[in-house]
């Protein structure tokens, strides 16, 4: 979840994607207005602002960037994000308490073994997830929305008229998802290697 938080609010990532996809040009707005709309969008998702009201000159017309359907969908996205961050923060507390209890009751050796098994399972899960996304990203992304937004179809936006989907098209989300998955797998792999080395040094296991 921290990897999701990092990449979803990484300004450098947005700048790189906007430049690569020529987003401002394809929408018909200036880079300054595009960055302003992005700042408003991300601030709203972080619950720092209560509105998505932002005006920009699009194809020579001053107008609201986001329409009602887009705004309604972003309510769902914000609730999902805030809920995920709450779960992450609670999980951190539970993890710290669990580690202390496990070390006291089971010992450090038991903890190492459990971590190694868990890291392997997590790694396998994200490897399968990444393979699914790589083979058929459209199906992966559609399944994601059906799972996390089951109550409505507000996420089905029109790339011809809805600025939100023009700002973050499928290619943007493809790069975002794989940045997140690669980060997670890398962290799991590094953690696994570190734990194996500690296991060898402390318990002299081969």
Protein backbone atom coordinates (compact mmCIF):
# COMPACT_ATOMS: atom_id res chain seq x y z
CA UNK A 1 0.00 0.00 0.00
CA UNK A 2 2.95 2.29 0.63
CA UNK A 3 4.19 1.51 -2.88
CA UNK A 4 0.77 2.48 -4.23
CA UNK A 5 0.85 5.69 -2.21
CA UNK A 6 4.36 6.54 -3.43
CA UNK A 7 3.70 6.07 -7.14
CA UNK A 8 0.17 7.48 -7.25
CA UNK A 9 1.37 10.78 -5.78
CA UNK A 10 4.78 10.97 -7.42
CA UNK A 11 4.94 14.28 -9.30
CA UNK A 12 8.00 13.18 -11.28
CA UNK A 13 6.09 10.15 -12.55
CA UNK A 14 3.21 12.34 -13.75
CA UNK A 15 5.62 14.75 -15.46
CA UNK A 16 7.38 11.89 -17.26
CA UNK A 17 4.11 10.29 -18.39
CA UNK A 18 2.60 13.61 -19.52
CA UNK A 19 5.69 14.36 -21.58
CA UNK A 20 5.88 10.86 -23.06
CA UNK A 21 2.17 10.72 -23.93
CA UNK A 22 1.99 14.40 -25.00
CA UNK A 23 -0.99 14.73 -22.70
CA UNK A 24 -1.38 18.51 -22.69
CA UNK A 25 -1.26 18.63 -26.48
CA UNK A 26 -3.72 15.77 -26.93
CA UNK A 27 -6.23 17.38 -24.54
CA UNK A 28 -5.81 20.85 -25.98
CA UNK A 29 -4.65 22.60 -22.82
CA UNK A 30 -1.45 24.20 -21.63
CA UNK A 31 1.04 22.31 -19.50
CA UNK A 32 0.45 24.88 -16.76
CA UNK A 33 -3.29 24.15 -16.71
CA UNK A 34 -2.63 20.40 -16.87
CA UNK A 35 -0.34 20.59 -13.84
CA UNK A 36 -2.87 22.75 -12.01
CA UNK A 37 -5.65 20.23 -12.67
CA UNK A 38 -3.35 17.40 -11.55
CA UNK A 39 -2.50 19.21 -8.31
CA UNK A 40 -6.19 19.72 -7.57
CA UNK A 41 -6.94 16.08 -8.35
CA UNK A 42 -4.20 14.68 -6.12
CA UNK A 43 -4.96 17.11 -3.31
CA UNK A 44 -8.59 16.00 -3.44
CA UNK A 45 -7.62 12.33 -3.26
CA UNK A 46 -5.44 13.06 -0.22
CA UNK A 47 -8.52 14.68 1.38
CA UNK A 48 -6.75 18.03 1.59
CA UNK A 49 -9.41 19.70 -0.56
CA UNK A 50 -13.14 19.07 -0.61
CA UNK A 51 -13.77 19.92 -4.25
CA UNK A 52 -12.50 19.17 -7.73
CA UNK A 53 -13.48 22.59 -9.02
CA UNK A 54 -10.75 23.81 -11.35
CA UNK A 55 -11.03 25.81 -14.55
CA UNK A 56 -8.77 25.60 -17.57
CA UNK A 57 -8.64 26.74 -21.16
CA UNK A 58 -9.36 23.62 -23.21
CA UNK A 59 -9.31 23.98 -26.99
CA UNK A 60 -9.77 27.72 -26.63
CA UNK A 61 -12.70 27.51 -24.20
CA UNK A 62 -12.55 28.30 -20.48
CA UNK A 63 -14.44 25.56 -18.66
CA UNK A 64 -14.50 23.27 -15.67
CA UNK A 65 -11.99 20.49 -16.20
CA UNK A 66 -13.96 17.70 -14.52
CA UNK A 67 -17.64 17.02 -15.18
CA UNK A 68 -20.15 15.59 -12.72
CA UNK A 69 -19.59 11.94 -13.64
CA UNK A 70 -15.85 12.30 -13.22
CA UNK A 71 -16.31 14.04 -9.87
CA UNK A 72 -18.68 11.32 -8.67
CA UNK A 73 -16.19 8.62 -9.63
CA UNK A 74 -13.39 10.42 -7.80
CA UNK A 75 -15.47 10.29 -4.62
CA UNK A 76 -15.28 6.49 -4.89
CA UNK A 77 -11.55 6.62 -5.66
CA UNK A 78 -10.85 8.91 -2.70
CA UNK A 79 -12.81 6.65 -0.35
CA UNK A 80 -10.88 3.64 -1.65
CA UNK A 81 -7.53 5.39 -1.18
CA UNK A 82 -8.30 6.70 2.30
CA UNK A 83 -9.60 3.30 3.34
CA UNK A 84 -6.45 1.61 2.02
CA UNK A 85 -4.21 4.04 3.90
CA UNK A 86 -6.18 3.47 7.10
CA UNK A 87 -5.71 -0.29 6.69
CA UNK A 88 -2.00 0.24 6.07
CA UNK A 89 -1.57 2.32 9.22
CA UNK A 90 -3.53 -0.12 11.36
CA UNK A 91 -1.50 -2.99 9.84
CA UNK A 92 1.76 -1.30 10.87
CA UNK A 93 0.61 -1.21 14.49
CA UNK A 94 -0.61 -4.83 14.36
CA UNK A 95 2.67 -5.91 12.75
CA UNK A 96 4.82 -4.30 15.45
CA UNK A 97 2.72 -5.85 18.23
CA UNK A 98 2.69 -9.24 16.50
CA UNK A 99 6.47 -9.20 16.05
CA UNK A 100 7.02 -8.50 19.74
CA UNK A 101 4.58 -11.23 20.79
CA UNK A 102 6.05 -13.79 18.35
CA UNK A 103 9.61 -13.11 19.45
CA UNK A 104 8.65 -13.48 23.11
CA UNK A 105 6.49 -16.58 22.66
CA UNK A 106 8.11 -18.39 19.72
CA UNK A 107 11.62 -17.01 19.47
CA UNK A 108 13.50 -15.26 16.69
CA UNK A 109 14.17 -18.48 14.74
CA UNK A 110 10.44 -19.16 14.34
CA UNK A 111 9.97 -15.57 13.20
CA UNK A 112 12.59 -15.92 10.46
CA UNK A 113 11.00 -19.08 9.11
CA UNK A 114 7.56 -17.50 9.06
CA UNK A 115 8.81 -14.40 7.29
CA UNK A 116 10.61 -16.38 4.61
CA UNK A 117 7.49 -18.41 3.83
CA UNK A 118 5.27 -15.33 3.79
CA UNK A 119 7.65 -13.42 1.52
CA UNK A 120 7.63 -16.32 -0.91
CA UNK A 121 3.84 -16.39 -1.01
CA UNK A 122 3.58 -12.62 -1.44
CA UNK A 123 6.19 -12.72 -4.19
CA UNK A 124 4.32 -15.47 -6.03
CA UNK A 125 1.04 -13.57 -5.73
CA UNK A 126 2.43 -10.36 -7.22
CA UNK A 127 4.30 -12.29 -9.89
CA UNK A 128 1.05 -13.92 -11.01
CA UNK A 129 -0.73 -10.57 -10.80
CA UNK A 130 1.96 -8.89 -12.88
CA UNK A 131 1.86 -11.67 -15.48
CA UNK A 132 -1.92 -11.31 -15.79
CA UNK A 133 -1.57 -7.54 -16.25
CA UNK A 134 1.22 -7.97 -18.80
CA UNK A 135 -0.68 -10.51 -20.90
CA UNK A 136 -4.01 -8.65 -20.95
CA UNK A 137 -3.93 -5.31 -19.18
CA UNK A 138 -7.40 -4.31 -20.31
CA UNK A 139 -8.96 -7.38 -18.66
CA UNK A 140 -6.80 -6.85 -15.57
CA UNK A 141 -7.86 -3.21 -15.27
CA UNK A 142 -11.53 -4.03 -15.87
CA UNK A 143 -11.41 -6.77 -13.22
CA UNK A 144 -9.79 -4.34 -10.79
CA UNK A 145 -12.68 -1.89 -11.19
CA UNK A 146 -15.32 -4.59 -10.87
CA UNK A 147 -13.74 -5.72 -7.59
CA UNK A 148 -13.21 -2.30 -6.01
CA UNK A 149 -16.11 -0.34 -7.54
CA UNK A 150 -18.92 -2.92 -7.63
CA UNK A 151 -21.76 -0.52 -6.83
CA UNK A 152 -21.71 1.56 -10.03
CA UNK A 153 -20.14 2.02 -13.46
CA UNK A 154 -18.95 5.61 -12.98
CA UNK A 155 -15.43 4.43 -13.84
CA UNK A 156 -16.54 3.88 -17.44
CA UNK A 157 -15.49 7.26 -18.84
CA UNK A 158 -15.54 8.49 -22.44
CA UNK A 159 -12.03 9.23 -23.79
CA UNK A 160 -13.59 11.57 -26.36
CA UNK A 161 -15.20 13.91 -23.83
CA UNK A 162 -14.00 13.20 -20.28
CA UNK A 163 -10.80 15.05 -19.42
CA UNK A 164 -9.95 12.72 -16.53
CA UNK A 165 -9.45 9.71 -18.80
CA UNK A 166 -7.55 11.90 -21.27
CA UNK A 167 -5.17 12.88 -18.47
CA UNK A 168 -4.63 9.31 -17.33
CA UNK A 169 -5.32 6.92 -20.24
CA UNK A 170 -4.71 3.17 -20.22
CA UNK A 171 -0.99 3.54 -21.06
CA UNK A 172 -0.57 5.78 -18.01
CA UNK A 173 -2.15 3.17 -15.74
CA UNK A 174 -0.14 0.38 -17.38
CA UNK A 175 3.07 2.18 -16.44
CA UNK A 176 1.69 3.02 -12.98
CA UNK A 177 0.65 -0.55 -12.17
CA UNK A 178 3.97 -2.01 -13.28
CA UNK A 179 5.94 0.60 -11.35
CA UNK A 180 4.00 -0.47 -8.25
CA UNK A 181 4.35 -4.22 -8.87
CA UNK A 182 8.08 -4.00 -9.67
CA UNK A 183 8.64 -1.93 -6.52
CA UNK A 184 6.78 -4.46 -4.36
CA UNK A 185 8.57 -7.49 -5.83
CA UNK A 186 11.94 -5.72 -5.45
CA UNK A 187 11.28 -4.94 -1.79
CA UNK A 188 10.15 -8.52 -1.12
CA UNK A 189 13.22 -9.92 -2.86
CA UNK A 190 15.63 -7.63 -1.01
CA UNK A 191 13.95 -8.44 2.30
CA UNK A 192 14.15 -12.18 1.56
CA UNK A 193 17.87 -11.93 0.72
CA UNK A 194 18.60 -9.91 3.87
CA UNK A 195 16.70 -12.38 6.05
CA UNK A 196 18.51 -15.35 4.49
CA UNK A 197 21.86 -13.70 5.17
CA UNK A 198 20.89 -12.96 8.77
CA UNK A 199 19.66 -16.52 9.14
CA UNK A 200 23.04 -17.84 8.01
CA UNK A 201 25.00 -15.52 10.28
CA UNK A 202 22.87 -15.93 13.41
CA UNK A 203 21.75 -19.56 13.18
CA UNK A 204 24.45 -20.86 10.81
CA UNK A 205 21.81 -22.37 8.53
CA UNK A 206 22.98 -23.27 5.03
